[in-house]
Amino acid sequence: MRSLLCAAGAAGILWAAAAVPAAADEPDGFTISDPRITESSGLAASRVHPGIYWTHNDSNDGPYLYAVDGKSGRTVARITLRGVGSPRDVEAISIGPDGNLYVGDIGDNLGGTWGHVWIYRLPEPKQLRDATVTATQFDVKYADGPRDAEALMVHPKTGRVYIASKKQGGGGALYEGPRRLTTSGTNTFRKVAPIDLWVTDGAFSPDGTRLVMRSYFGARIYRWQDGRPKDLGSVGVPVQQQGESVTFTPDGRTLMYGSEGHESDVKPVGLADDQLPDSVKDDPGNGDDPNNPGEKGSSGKELDPGFIKGAMVLAVGTALVVALRRLLRRR
């Protein structure tokens, strides 16, 4: 446990240095107010309903998805998945180019011991109201053995599904699924790139040219090139109790970060320069001010030393709490 706490503490310090408050032109964050949502673990911006975010609980919940209003934080619909059995450890949600929601029941708090995990697919509802929707269930395994994973991403152009595992047995990795998922057998995911991060979620940009991976205390962004990630460096993350989820806003300019806990916050961090997806990065309204050479976060705002110091203290304390919670959950 000592090594876990040390790693989390070090990550917290690096994360605090990268964190930056939201810029004025970024969307507002919101607080998830539904008392039923206590372990929000995945986040996806709706393609059909502007301003709506899909989320779900981690474990100890039924087959439910929640549509949350990005302004009020209220749940406007709860979707019950029919035909998927009993979810085990739902960790991620993504939206494909086919208009379907993809739900990753891919977590493994026992350290990667389950022989297979599941992906559920269902159409994104056209109307926001409580409903029961039939979902398709896909069996998934990894070519190199069981993994503990919390990030599932569907590429918005190709529709191919990817899973990012946590660091385990030599490090985390990005796994690529078959060109098309099938219900007639097991879908084998194969390692395509190492990911040096304790990944808790990930997301593709709407145009498919950027991939972001987040951990509890940090995040990295990648250029998606020839079906593989090219590391572009770290990207800012906000101060949160336990960083669990991330998604791009529909315009691709901002990352929305979510966390676990009762009344958890979803906070924005704007992107700039090469971090921006190709479809928006040439917009002259983006980027850092070349006349201000001070230390900056991802949205170009100079970081206040007092903010950094306070965030560092909070990050280290939070790291200890998160590590203890994870350890107790495994028992």
C-alpha atoms as a PDB file:
ATOM      1  CA  MET A   1       0.000   0.000   0.000  1.00  0.00           C
ATOM      2  CA  ARG A   2       2.924   2.347   0.709  1.00  0.00           C
ATOM      3  CA  SER A   3       3.946   2.337  -2.960  1.00  0.00           C
ATOM      4  CA  LEU A   4       0.379   3.111  -4.003  1.00  0.00           C
ATOM      5  CA  LEU A   5       0.161   6.066  -1.639  1.00  0.00           C
ATOM      6  CA  CYS A   6       3.526   7.422  -2.740  1.00  0.00           C
ATOM      7  CA  ALA A   7       2.571   7.148  -6.394  1.00  0.00           C
ATOM      8  CA  ALA A   8      -0.775   8.819  -5.758  1.00  0.00           C
ATOM      9  CA  GLY A   9       0.873  11.611  -3.775  1.00  0.00           C
ATOM     10  CA  ALA A  10       3.414  12.269  -6.524  1.00  0.00           C
ATOM     11  CA  ALA A  11       0.690  12.234  -9.140  1.00  0.00           C
ATOM     12  CA  GLY A  12      -1.280  14.702  -7.043  1.00  0.00           C
ATOM     13  CA  ILE A  13       1.595  17.182  -7.064  1.00  0.00           C
ATOM     14  CA  LEU A  14       1.978  16.970 -10.842  1.00  0.00           C
ATOM     15  CA  TRP A  15      -1.765  17.260 -11.291  1.00  0.00           C
ATOM     16  CA  ALA A  16      -2.016  20.341  -9.112  1.00  0.00           C
ATOM     17  CA  ALA A  17       0.638  22.109 -11.156  1.00  0.00           C
ATOM     18  CA  ALA A  18      -1.367  21.527 -14.329  1.00  0.00           C
ATOM     19  CA  ALA A  19      -4.781  22.477 -12.930  1.00  0.00           C
ATOM     20  CA  VAL A  20      -6.255  25.813 -13.876  1.00  0.00           C
ATOM     21  CA  PRO A  21      -9.629  27.501 -13.309  1.00  0.00           C
ATOM     22  CA  ALA A  22     -12.038  27.633 -16.223  1.00  0.00           C
ATOM     23  CA  ALA A  23     -11.611  30.439 -18.719  1.00  0.00           C
ATOM     24  CA  ALA A  24     -14.409  32.941 -19.226  1.00  0.00           C
ATOM     25  CA  ASP A  25     -15.400  31.555 -22.636  1.00  0.00           C
ATOM     26  CA  GLU A  26     -15.708  27.943 -21.439  1.00  0.00           C
ATOM     27  CA  PRO A  27     -19.070  26.378 -20.563  1.00  0.00           C
ATOM     28  CA  ASP A  28     -20.046  26.384 -16.927  1.00  0.00           C
ATOM     29  CA  GLY A  29     -19.611  23.288 -14.844  1.00  0.00           C
ATOM     30  CA  PHE A  30     -22.456  21.748 -12.891  1.00  0.00           C
ATOM     31  CA  THR A  31     -23.193  19.635  -9.825  1.00  0.00           C
ATOM     32  CA  ILE A  32     -25.006  16.314 -10.206  1.00  0.00           C
ATOM     33  CA  SER A  33     -27.898  16.689  -7.776  1.00  0.00           C
ATOM     34  CA  ASP A  34     -29.624  13.287  -8.095  1.00  0.00           C
ATOM     35  CA  PRO A  35     -29.209  11.429  -4.757  1.00  0.00           C
ATOM     36  CA  ARG A  36     -29.256   8.132  -6.692  1.00  0.00           C
ATOM     37  CA  ILE A  37     -25.974   9.050  -8.414  1.00  0.00           C
ATOM     38  CA  THR A  38     -23.257   8.570  -5.825  1.00  0.00           C
ATOM     39  CA  GLU A  39     -20.505   6.941  -7.904  1.00  0.00           C
ATOM     40  CA  SER A  40     -20.613   8.708 -11.263  1.00  0.00           C
ATOM     41  CA  SER A  41     -17.911   6.864 -13.171  1.00  0.00           C
ATOM     42  CA  GLY A  42     -18.457   7.644 -16.858  1.00  0.00           C
ATOM     43  CA  LEU A  43     -19.499  10.728 -18.808  1.00  0.00           C
ATOM     44  CA  ALA A  44     -20.588  11.329 -22.396  1.00  0.00           C
ATOM     45  CA  ALA A  45     -21.949  14.494 -23.994  1.00  0.00           C
ATOM     46  CA  SER A  46     -25.192  13.759 -25.844  1.00  0.00           C
ATOM     47  CA  ARG A  47     -25.215  14.060 -29.620  1.00  0.00           C
ATOM     48  CA  VAL A  48     -29.003  14.295 -29.804  1.00  0.00           C
ATOM     49  CA  HIS A  49     -29.810  16.555 -26.857  1.00  0.00           C
ATOM     50  CA  PRO A  50     -27.595  19.676 -26.554  1.00  0.00           C
ATOM     51  CA  GLY A  51     -26.422  20.333 -23.016  1.00  0.00           C
ATOM     52  CA  ILE A  52     -27.230  16.821 -21.766  1.00  0.00           C
ATOM     53  CA  TYR A  53     -24.605  14.457 -20.316  1.00  0.00           C
ATOM     54  CA  TRP A  54     -25.016  10.713 -19.860  1.00  0.00           C
ATOM     55  CA  THR A  55     -23.584   9.106 -16.734  1.00  0.00           C
ATOM     56  CA  HIS A  56     -23.981   6.013 -14.561  1.00  0.00           C
ATOM     57  CA  ASN A  57     -22.931   4.640 -11.205  1.00  0.00           C
ATOM     58  CA  ASP A  58     -19.825   2.534 -10.738  1.00  0.00           C
ATOM     59  CA  SER A  59     -21.044  -0.538  -8.864  1.00  0.00           C
ATOM     60  CA  ASN A  60     -23.828  -1.540  -6.469  1.00  0.00           C
ATOM     61  CA  ASP A  61     -26.445  -0.132  -8.837  1.00  0.00           C
ATOM     62  CA  GLY A  62     -28.806  -1.665 -11.357  1.00  0.00           C
ATOM     63  CA  PRO A  63     -28.702  -1.460 -15.172  1.00  0.00           C
ATOM     64  CA  TYR A  64     -29.315   2.290 -15.247  1.00  0.00           C
ATOM     65  CA  LEU A  65     -28.139   5.297 -17.229  1.00  0.00           C
ATOM     66  CA  TYR A  66     -28.895   8.871 -16.233  1.00  0.00           C
ATOM     67  CA  ALA A  67     -29.355  11.888 -18.508  1.00  0.00           C
ATOM     68  CA  VAL A  68     -28.195  14.958 -16.586  1.00  0.00           C
ATOM     69  CA  ASP A  69     -28.823  18.571 -17.576  1.00  0.00           C
ATOM     70  CA  GLY A  70     -25.493  20.391 -17.941  1.00  0.00           C
ATOM     71  CA  LYS A  71     -26.874  23.631 -16.524  1.00  0.00           C
ATOM     72  CA  SER A  72     -29.079  22.633 -13.596  1.00  0.00           C
ATOM     73  CA  GLY A  73     -27.422  19.314 -12.752  1.00  0.00           C
ATOM     74  CA  ARG A  74     -30.873  17.674 -12.581  1.00  0.00           C
ATOM     75  CA  THR A  75     -31.568  14.204 -13.909  1.00  0.00           C
ATOM     76  CA  VAL A  76     -34.055  14.538 -16.774  1.00  0.00           C
ATOM     77  CA  ALA A  77     -34.306  10.833 -17.596  1.00  0.00           C
ATOM     78  CA  ARG A  78     -33.298   7.453 -16.187  1.00  0.00           C
ATOM     79  CA  ILE A  79     -32.897   4.661 -18.731  1.00  0.00           C
ATOM     80  CA  THR A  80     -33.186   1.043 -17.618  1.00  0.00           C
ATOM     81  CA  LEU A  81     -31.227  -1.425 -19.760  1.00  0.00           C
ATOM     82  CA  ARG A  82     -33.205  -4.553 -20.622  1.00  0.00           C
ATOM     83  CA  GLY A  83     -31.644  -7.850 -21.718  1.00  0.00           C
ATOM     84  CA  VAL A  84     -28.148  -7.426 -20.230  1.00  0.00           C
ATOM     85  CA  GLY A  85     -28.283  -9.475 -17.059  1.00  0.00           C
ATOM     86  CA  SER A  86     -26.846  -7.989 -13.876  1.00  0.00           C
ATOM     87  CA  PRO A  87     -24.073  -5.408 -14.438  1.00  0.00           C
ATOM     88  CA  ARG A  88     -20.934  -6.130 -12.454  1.00  0.00           C
ATOM     89  CA  ASP A  89     -18.701  -3.022 -12.515  1.00  0.00           C
ATOM     90  CA  VAL A  90     -19.827  -0.390 -15.020  1.00  0.00           C
ATOM     91  CA  GLU A  91     -17.005   2.098 -15.580  1.00  0.00           C
ATOM     92  CA  ALA A  92     -17.434   3.952 -18.877  1.00  0.00           C
ATOM     93  CA  ILE A  93     -19.832   5.259 -21.494  1.00  0.00           C
ATOM     94  CA  SER A  94     -19.261   6.527 -25.031  1.00  0.00           C
ATOM     95  CA  ILE A  95     -21.320   7.427 -28.100  1.00  0.00           C
ATOM     96  CA  GLY A  96     -20.598   5.930 -31.503  1.00  0.00           C
ATOM     97  CA  PRO A  97     -21.127   7.335 -34.999  1.00  0.00           C
ATOM     98  CA  ASP A  98     -24.123   5.022 -35.301  1.00  0.00           C
ATOM     99  CA  GLY A  99     -25.951   7.058 -32.656  1.00  0.00           C
ATOM    100  CA  ASN A 100     -25.696   4.265 -30.096  1.00  0.00           C
ATOM    101  CA  LEU A 101     -24.582   4.495 -26.487  1.00  0.00           C
ATOM    102  CA  TYR A 102     -21.812   2.042 -25.601  1.00  0.00           C
ATOM    103  CA  VAL A 103     -21.557   1.126 -21.922  1.00  0.00           C
ATOM    104  CA  GLY A 104     -18.421  -0.542 -20.574  1.00  0.00           C
ATOM    105  CA  ASP A 105     -18.995  -3.094 -17.809  1.00  0.00           C
ATOM    106  CA  ILE A 106     -15.221  -3.505 -17.771  1.00  0.00           C
ATOM    107  CA  GLY A 107     -14.027  -2.801 -14.233  1.00  0.00           C
ATOM    108  CA  ASP A 108     -12.321  -5.434 -12.128  1.00  0.00           C
ATOM    109  CA  ASN A 109     -11.637  -4.382  -8.553  1.00  0.00           C
ATOM    110  CA  LEU A 110      -9.970  -7.744  -7.923  1.00  0.00           C
ATOM    111  CA  GLY A 111      -7.004  -6.674 -10.024  1.00  0.00           C
ATOM    112  CA  GLY A 112      -7.846  -8.327 -13.318  1.00  0.00           C
ATOM    113  CA  THR A 113      -9.137 -11.790 -12.522  1.00  0.00           C
ATOM    114  CA  TRP A 114     -12.370 -12.068 -14.512  1.00  0.00           C
ATOM    115  CA  GLY A 115     -12.082 -14.114 -17.675  1.00  0.00           C
ATOM    116  CA  HIS A 116     -14.369 -11.799 -19.616  1.00  0.00           C
ATOM    117  CA  VAL A 117     -16.147  -8.450 -19.329  1.00  0.00           C
ATOM    118  CA  TRP A 118     -19.089  -6.912 -21.192  1.00  0.00           C
ATOM    119  CA  ILE A 119     -20.033  -4.042 -23.445  1.00  0.00           C
ATOM    120  CA  TYR A 120     -23.679  -2.991 -23.754  1.00  0.00           C
ATOM    121  CA  ARG A 121     -24.993  -1.120 -26.796  1.00  0.00           C
ATOM    122  CA  LEU A 122     -28.298   0.717 -27.055  1.00  0.00           C
ATOM    123  CA  PRO A 123     -29.696   3.559 -29.164  1.00  0.00           C
ATOM    124  CA  GLU A 124     -29.503   6.989 -27.579  1.00  0.00           C
ATOM    125  CA  PRO A 125     -33.138   7.826 -26.735  1.00  0.00           C
ATOM    126  CA  LYS A 126     -34.710  10.493 -28.915  1.00  0.00           C
ATOM    127  CA  GLN A 127     -36.935  11.657 -26.065  1.00  0.00           C
ATOM    128  CA  LEU A 128     -35.725  12.466 -22.560  1.00  0.00           C
ATOM    129  CA  ARG A 129     -38.017  10.575 -20.215  1.00  0.00           C
ATOM    130  CA  ASP A 130     -37.743   7.543 -17.961  1.00  0.00           C
ATOM    131  CA  ALA A 131     -37.849   4.454 -20.147  1.00  0.00           C
ATOM    132  CA  THR A 132     -36.722   0.863 -20.527  1.00  0.00           C
ATOM    133  CA  VAL A 133     -34.547   0.194 -23.579  1.00  0.00           C
ATOM    134  CA  THR A 134     -33.377  -3.154 -24.944  1.00  0.00           C
ATOM    135  CA  ALA A 135     -29.595  -3.327 -25.153  1.00  0.00           C
ATOM    136  CA  THR A 136     -27.259  -5.687 -26.980  1.00  0.00           C
ATOM    137  CA  GLN A 137     -24.629  -7.405 -24.842  1.00  0.00           C
ATOM    138  CA  PHE A 138     -21.151  -8.254 -26.148  1.00  0.00           C
ATOM    139  CA  ASP A 139     -18.681 -10.578 -24.426  1.00  0.00           C
ATOM    140  CA  VAL A 140     -15.138  -9.185 -24.323  1.00  0.00           C
ATOM    141  CA  LYS A 141     -11.737 -10.599 -23.431  1.00  0.00           C
ATOM    142  CA  TYR A 142      -8.138  -9.389 -23.881  1.00  0.00           C
ATOM    143  CA  ALA A 143      -5.597 -11.209 -26.012  1.00  0.00           C
ATOM    144  CA  ASP A 144      -2.993 -11.036 -23.229  1.00  0.00           C
ATOM    145  CA  GLY A 145      -5.222 -12.025 -20.319  1.00  0.00           C
ATOM    146  CA  PRO A 146      -7.615 -10.315 -17.881  1.00  0.00           C
ATOM    147  CA  ARG A 147      -7.214  -6.571 -17.266  1.00  0.00           C
ATOM    148  CA  ASP A 148      -8.646  -4.015 -14.875  1.00  0.00           C
ATOM    149  CA  ALA A 149     -10.027  -1.179 -16.998  1.00  0.00           C
ATOM    150  CA  GLU A 150     -12.175   1.923 -16.545  1.00  0.00           C
ATOM    151  CA  ALA A 151     -12.021   3.641 -19.960  1.00  0.00           C
ATOM    152  CA  LEU A 152     -13.982   2.734 -23.079  1.00  0.00           C
ATOM    153  CA  MET A 153     -13.941   4.952 -26.176  1.00  0.00           C
ATOM    154  CA  VAL A 154     -15.748   4.597 -29.509  1.00  0.00           C
ATOM    155  CA  HIS A 155     -14.047   6.353 -32.414  1.00  0.00           C
ATOM    156  CA  PRO A 156     -16.566   8.851 -33.846  1.00  0.00           C
ATOM    157  CA  LYS A 157     -15.626   8.123 -37.480  1.00  0.00           C
ATOM    158  CA  THR A 158     -14.763   4.434 -37.693  1.00  0.00           C
ATOM    159  CA  GLY A 159     -17.024   3.164 -34.915  1.00  0.00           C
ATOM    160  CA  ARG A 160     -14.206   0.998 -33.585  1.00  0.00           C
ATOM    161  CA  VAL A 161     -14.218   0.403 -29.825  1.00  0.00           C
ATOM    162  CA  TYR A 162     -11.129   0.882 -27.653  1.00  0.00           C
ATOM    163  CA  ILE A 163     -10.478   0.088 -23.992  1.00  0.00           C
ATOM    164  CA  ALA A 164      -7.659   1.494 -21.858  1.00  0.00           C
ATOM    165  CA  SER A 165      -6.464  -0.646 -18.972  1.00  0.00           C
ATOM    166  CA  LYS A 166      -4.942   0.587 -15.749  1.00  0.00           C
ATOM    167  CA  LYS A 167      -1.269   0.068 -14.943  1.00  0.00           C
ATOM    168  CA  GLN A 168      -0.943  -3.612 -14.262  1.00  0.00           C
ATOM    169  CA  GLY A 169       1.818  -6.120 -14.884  1.00  0.00           C
ATOM    170  CA  GLY A 170       4.158  -3.626 -16.563  1.00  0.00           C
ATOM    171  CA  GLY A 171       1.872  -0.686 -17.279  1.00  0.00           C
ATOM    172  CA  GLY A 172      -1.438   0.402 -18.716  1.00  0.00           C
ATOM    173  CA  ALA A 173      -2.292  -0.028 -22.382  1.00  0.00           C
ATOM    174  CA  LEU A 174      -4.748   0.840 -25.113  1.00  0.00           C
ATOM    175  CA  TYR A 175      -6.638  -2.128 -26.552  1.00  0.00           C
ATOM    176  CA  GLU A 176      -8.383  -2.211 -29.914  1.00  0.00           C
ATOM    177  CA  GLY A 177     -11.530  -4.211 -30.515  1.00  0.00           C
ATOM    178  CA  PRO A 178     -12.477  -5.997 -33.733  1.00  0.00           C
ATOM    179  CA  ARG A 179     -13.688  -3.918 -36.650  1.00  0.00           C
ATOM    180  CA  ARG A 180     -17.258  -4.845 -35.735  1.00  0.00           C
ATOM    181  CA  LEU A 181     -18.487  -6.255 -32.440  1.00  0.00           C
ATOM    182  CA  THR A 182     -20.324  -9.553 -32.647  1.00  0.00           C
ATOM    183  CA  THR A 183     -22.840 -11.337 -30.445  1.00  0.00           C
ATOM    184  CA  SER A 184     -22.013 -14.763 -31.906  1.00  0.00           C
ATOM    185  CA  GLY A 185     -18.782 -15.195 -29.954  1.00  0.00           C
ATOM    186  CA  THR A 186     -16.207 -13.468 -27.789  1.00  0.00           C
ATOM    187  CA  ASN A 187     -14.766 -10.157 -28.970  1.00  0.00           C
ATOM    188  CA  THR A 188     -11.004 -10.170 -28.460  1.00  0.00           C
ATOM    189  CA  PHE A 189      -9.314  -6.832 -27.791  1.00  0.00           C
ATOM    190  CA  ARG A 190      -5.625  -6.557 -28.669  1.00  0.00           C
ATOM    191  CA  LYS A 191      -2.985  -4.231 -27.262  1.00  0.00           C
ATOM    192  CA  VAL A 192      -1.996  -1.481 -29.708  1.00  0.00           C
ATOM    193  CA  ALA A 193      -0.111   1.057 -27.548  1.00  0.00           C
ATOM    194  CA  PRO A 194       1.231   1.493 -24.019  1.00  0.00           C
ATOM    195  CA  ILE A 195      -0.401   4.176 -21.868  1.00  0.00           C
ATOM    196  CA  ASP A 196       1.775   5.406 -19.001  1.00  0.00           C
ATOM    197  CA  LEU A 197      -1.121   6.560 -16.850  1.00  0.00           C
ATOM    198  CA  TRP A 198      -3.441   5.132 -14.208  1.00  0.00           C
ATOM    199  CA  VAL A 199      -6.391   5.598 -16.555  1.00  0.00           C
ATOM    200  CA  THR A 200      -9.851   6.173 -15.047  1.00  0.00           C
ATOM    201  CA  ASP A 201     -11.548   7.363 -18.250  1.00  0.00           C
ATOM    202  CA  GLY A 202     -10.940   8.534 -21.792  1.00  0.00           C
ATOM    203  CA  ALA A 203     -12.703  10.130 -24.740  1.00  0.00           C
ATOM    204  CA  PHE A 204     -12.257  10.891 -28.426  1.00  0.00           C
ATOM    205  CA  SER A 205     -12.853  14.395 -29.710  1.00  0.00           C
ATOM    206  CA  PRO A 206     -15.988  14.739 -31.886  1.00  0.00           C
ATOM    207  CA  ASP A 207     -13.873  14.818 -35.070  1.00  0.00           C
ATOM    208  CA  GLY A 208     -11.784  11.818 -33.979  1.00  0.00           C
ATOM    209  CA  THR A 209      -8.404  13.592 -34.191  1.00  0.00           C
ATOM    210  CA  ARG A 210      -7.713  13.787 -30.449  1.00  0.00           C
ATOM    211  CA  LEU A 211      -7.864  11.276 -27.615  1.00  0.00           C
ATOM    212  CA  VAL A 212      -7.753  12.310 -23.959  1.00  0.00           C
ATOM    213  CA  MET A 213      -6.904   9.969 -21.085  1.00  0.00           C
ATOM    214  CA  ARG A 214      -7.376  10.975 -17.485  1.00  0.00           C
ATOM    215  CA  SER A 215      -6.278   9.529 -14.157  1.00  0.00           C
ATOM    216  CA  TYR A 216      -7.247  10.506 -10.623  1.00  0.00           C
ATOM    217  CA  PHE A 217      -4.853  13.454 -10.655  1.00  0.00           C
ATOM    218  CA  GLY A 218      -3.717  14.114 -14.205  1.00  0.00           C
ATOM    219  CA  ALA A 219      -4.495  13.773 -17.888  1.00  0.00           C
ATOM    220  CA  ARG A 220      -2.732  13.454 -21.214  1.00  0.00           C
ATOM    221  CA  ILE A 221      -3.927  14.236 -24.698  1.00  0.00           C
ATOM    222  CA  TYR A 222      -2.962  12.422 -27.893  1.00  0.00           C
ATOM    223  CA  ARG A 223      -3.194  13.058 -31.607  1.00  0.00           C
ATOM    224  CA  TRP A 224      -5.031  10.151 -33.234  1.00  0.00           C
ATOM    225  CA  GLN A 225      -2.985   9.283 -36.300  1.00  0.00           C
ATOM    226  CA  ASP A 226      -3.258   6.175 -38.484  1.00  0.00           C
ATOM    227  CA  GLY A 227      -5.266   4.418 -35.815  1.00  0.00           C
ATOM    228  CA  ARG A 228      -2.705   5.005 -33.056  1.00  0.00           C
ATOM    229  CA  PRO A 229      -2.187   7.636 -30.327  1.00  0.00           C
ATOM    230  CA  LYS A 230       0.682  10.146 -30.557  1.00  0.00           C
ATOM    231  CA  ASP A 231       1.377  11.761 -27.177  1.00  0.00           C
ATOM    232  CA  LEU A 232       1.001  15.559 -27.174  1.00  0.00           C
ATOM    233  CA  GLY A 233       1.648  15.977 -23.453  1.00  0.00           C
ATOM    234  CA  SER A 234      -0.304  16.737 -20.315  1.00  0.00           C
ATOM    235  CA  VAL A 235      -3.507  18.719 -20.156  1.00  0.00           C
ATOM    236  CA  GLY A 236      -4.981  20.551 -17.176  1.00  0.00           C
ATOM    237  CA  VAL A 237      -7.379  18.898 -14.750  1.00  0.00           C
ATOM    238  CA  PRO A 238      -9.524  20.587 -12.086  1.00  0.00           C
ATOM    239  CA  VAL A 239      -9.442  20.088  -8.328  1.00  0.00           C
ATOM    240  CA  GLN A 240     -11.865  17.227  -7.592  1.00  0.00           C
ATOM    241  CA  GLN A 241     -12.496  14.751  -4.811  1.00  0.00           C
ATOM    242  CA  GLN A 242     -11.883  11.684  -6.993  1.00  0.00           C
ATOM    243  CA  GLY A 243     -11.309  12.131 -10.718  1.00  0.00           C
ATOM    244  CA  GLU A 244     -13.283   9.452 -12.565  1.00  0.00           C
ATOM    245  CA  SER A 245     -14.599  10.652 -15.917  1.00  0.00           C
ATOM    246  CA  VAL A 246     -13.987  12.920 -18.892  1.00  0.00           C
ATOM    247  CA  THR A 247     -15.696  13.869 -22.160  1.00  0.00           C
ATOM    248  CA  PHE A 248     -15.315  16.496 -24.859  1.00  0.00           C
ATOM    249  CA  THR A 249     -17.996  19.115 -25.339  1.00  0.00           C
ATOM    250  CA  PRO A 250     -19.750  18.713 -28.719  1.00  0.00           C
ATOM    251  CA  ASP A 251     -17.702  21.560 -30.256  1.00  0.00           C
ATOM    252  CA  GLY A 252     -14.423  19.873 -29.213  1.00  0.00           C
ATOM    253  CA  ARG A 253     -13.028  22.979 -27.503  1.00  0.00           C
ATOM    254  CA  THR A 254     -13.456  21.937 -23.875  1.00  0.00           C
ATOM    255  CA  LEU A 255     -12.990  18.906 -21.665  1.00  0.00           C
ATOM    256  CA  MET A 256     -15.613  18.187 -19.013  1.00  0.00           C
ATOM    257  CA  TYR A 257     -14.229  16.325 -15.990  1.00  0.00           C
ATOM    258  CA  GLY A 258     -16.428  14.372 -13.566  1.00  0.00           C
ATOM    259  CA  SER A 259     -15.851  12.787 -10.185  1.00  0.00           C
ATOM    260  CA  GLU A 260     -17.426  10.306  -7.792  1.00  0.00           C
ATOM    261  CA  GLY A 261     -19.349  11.112  -4.632  1.00  0.00           C
ATOM    262  CA  HIS A 262     -22.695  12.532  -3.569  1.00  0.00           C
ATOM    263  CA  GLU A 263     -23.423  15.808  -5.386  1.00  0.00           C
ATOM    264  CA  SER A 264     -20.228  15.456  -7.410  1.00  0.00           C
ATOM    265  CA  ASP A 265     -19.045  18.269  -9.644  1.00  0.00           C
ATOM    266  CA  VAL A 266     -18.450  18.262 -13.393  1.00  0.00           C
ATOM    267  CA  LYS A 267     -15.881  20.921 -14.271  1.00  0.00           C
ATOM    268  CA  PRO A 268     -14.623  22.367 -17.583  1.00  0.00           C
ATOM    269  CA  VAL A 269     -11.055  22.871 -18.806  1.00  0.00           C
ATOM    270  CA  GLY A 270     -10.530  24.606 -22.150  1.00  0.00           C
ATOM    271  CA  LEU A 271      -8.056  23.390 -24.764  1.00  0.00           C
ATOM    272  CA  ALA A 272      -5.545  25.414 -26.763  1.00  0.00           C
ATOM    273  CA  ASP A 273      -3.014  25.086 -29.578  1.00  0.00           C
ATOM    274  CA  ASP A 274      -2.183  21.490 -30.568  1.00  0.00           C
ATOM    275  CA  GLN A 275      -4.502  20.130 -27.900  1.00  0.00           C
ATOM    276  CA  LEU A 276      -7.463  21.351 -29.920  1.00  0.00           C
ATOM    277  CA  PRO A 277      -8.985  18.917 -32.411  1.00  0.00           C
ATOM    278  CA  ASP A 278      -8.051  19.545 -36.037  1.00  0.00           C
ATOM    279  CA  SER A 279     -11.555  20.776 -36.845  1.00  0.00           C
ATOM    280  CA  VAL A 280     -11.231  23.752 -34.474  1.00  0.00           C
ATOM    281  CA  LYS A 281      -7.541  24.295 -33.721  1.00  0.00           C
ATOM    282  CA  ASP A 282      -7.057  26.924 -36.460  1.00  0.00           C
ATOM    283  CA  ASP A 283      -9.729  29.187 -34.979  1.00  0.00           C
ATOM    284  CA  PRO A 284      -7.952  32.526 -34.212  1.00  0.00           C
ATOM    285  CA  GLY A 285      -9.964  32.870 -31.020  1.00  0.00           C
ATOM    286  CA  ASN A 286      -8.042  30.007 -29.408  1.00  0.00           C
ATOM    287  CA  GLY A 287      -4.512  29.705 -28.040  1.00  0.00           C
ATOM    288  CA  ASP A 288      -2.255  31.352 -25.470  1.00  0.00           C
ATOM    289  CA  ASP A 289      -1.317  35.012 -25.428  1.00  0.00           C
ATOM    290  CA  PRO A 290       2.212  35.278 -26.903  1.00  0.00           C
ATOM    291  CA  ASN A 291       2.786  38.516 -24.952  1.00  0.00           C
ATOM    292  CA  ASN A 292       2.331  36.786 -21.611  1.00  0.00           C
ATOM    293  CA  PRO A 293       5.218  34.349 -21.080  1.00  0.00           C
ATOM    294  CA  GLY A 294       4.220  33.359 -17.554  1.00  0.00           C
ATOM    295  CA  GLU A 295       3.411  29.800 -16.494  1.00  0.00           C
ATOM    296  CA  LYS A 296       0.088  28.759 -18.017  1.00  0.00           C
ATOM    297  CA  GLY A 297      -2.477  26.031 -17.934  1.00  0.00           C
ATOM    298  CA  SER A 298      -4.139  24.542 -20.970  1.00  0.00           C
ATOM    299  CA  SER A 299      -6.465  27.500 -21.516  1.00  0.00           C
ATOM    300  CA  GLY A 300      -3.689  30.082 -21.418  1.00  0.00           C
ATOM    301  CA  LYS A 301      -4.403  31.570 -17.968  1.00  0.00           C
ATOM    302  CA  GLU A 302      -1.402  32.356 -15.796  1.00  0.00           C
ATOM    303  CA  LEU A 303      -1.409  30.224 -12.674  1.00  0.00           C
ATOM    304  CA  ASP A 304      -1.512  31.941  -9.298  1.00  0.00           C
ATOM    305  CA  PRO A 305       1.202  30.592  -6.915  1.00  0.00           C
ATOM    306  CA  GLY A 306      -1.267  30.506  -4.039  1.00  0.00           C
ATOM    307  CA  PHE A 307      -3.662  28.422  -6.119  1.00  0.00           C
ATOM    308  CA  ILE A 308      -0.902  25.949  -6.981  1.00  0.00           C
ATOM    309  CA  LYS A 309       0.194  25.600  -3.354  1.00  0.00           C
ATOM    310  CA  GLY A 310      -3.347  25.032  -2.112  1.00  0.00           C
ATOM    311  CA  ALA A 311      -4.112  22.562  -4.869  1.00  0.00           C
ATOM    312  CA  MET A 312      -0.945  20.601  -4.087  1.00  0.00           C
ATOM    313  CA  VAL A 313      -1.945  20.201  -0.443  1.00  0.00           C
ATOM    314  CA  LEU A 314      -5.467  19.139  -1.401  1.00  0.00           C
ATOM    315  CA  ALA A 315      -4.171  16.711  -4.020  1.00  0.00           C
ATOM    316  CA  VAL A 316      -1.889  14.870  -1.600  1.00  0.00           C
ATOM    317  CA  GLY A 317      -4.665  14.583   0.977  1.00  0.00           C
ATOM    318  CA  THR A 318      -7.127  13.359  -1.621  1.00  0.00           C
ATOM    319  CA  ALA A 319      -4.616  10.791  -2.860  1.00  0.00           C
ATOM    320  CA  LEU A 320      -4.524   9.194   0.577  1.00  0.00           C
ATOM    321  CA  VAL A 321      -8.319   8.999   0.761  1.00  0.00           C
ATOM    322  CA  VAL A 322      -8.678   7.537  -2.744  1.00  0.00           C
ATOM    323  CA  ALA A 323      -5.993   4.923  -2.133  1.00  0.00           C
ATOM    324  CA  LEU A 324      -7.631   3.814   1.093  1.00  0.00           C
ATOM    325  CA  ARG A 325     -11.064   3.592  -0.538  1.00  0.00           C
ATOM    326  CA  ARG A 326      -9.716   1.452  -3.371  1.00  0.00           C
ATOM    327  CA  LEU A 327      -7.904  -0.833  -0.939  1.00  0.00           C
ATOM    328  CA  LEU A 328     -11.001  -1.347   1.201  1.00  0.00           C
ATOM    329  CA  ARG A 329     -13.154  -2.020  -1.888  1.00  0.00           C
ATOM    330  CA  ARG A 330     -10.922  -4.935  -2.872  1.00  0.00           C
ATOM    331  CA  ARG A 331     -11.413  -6.657   0.461  1.00  0.00           C
END
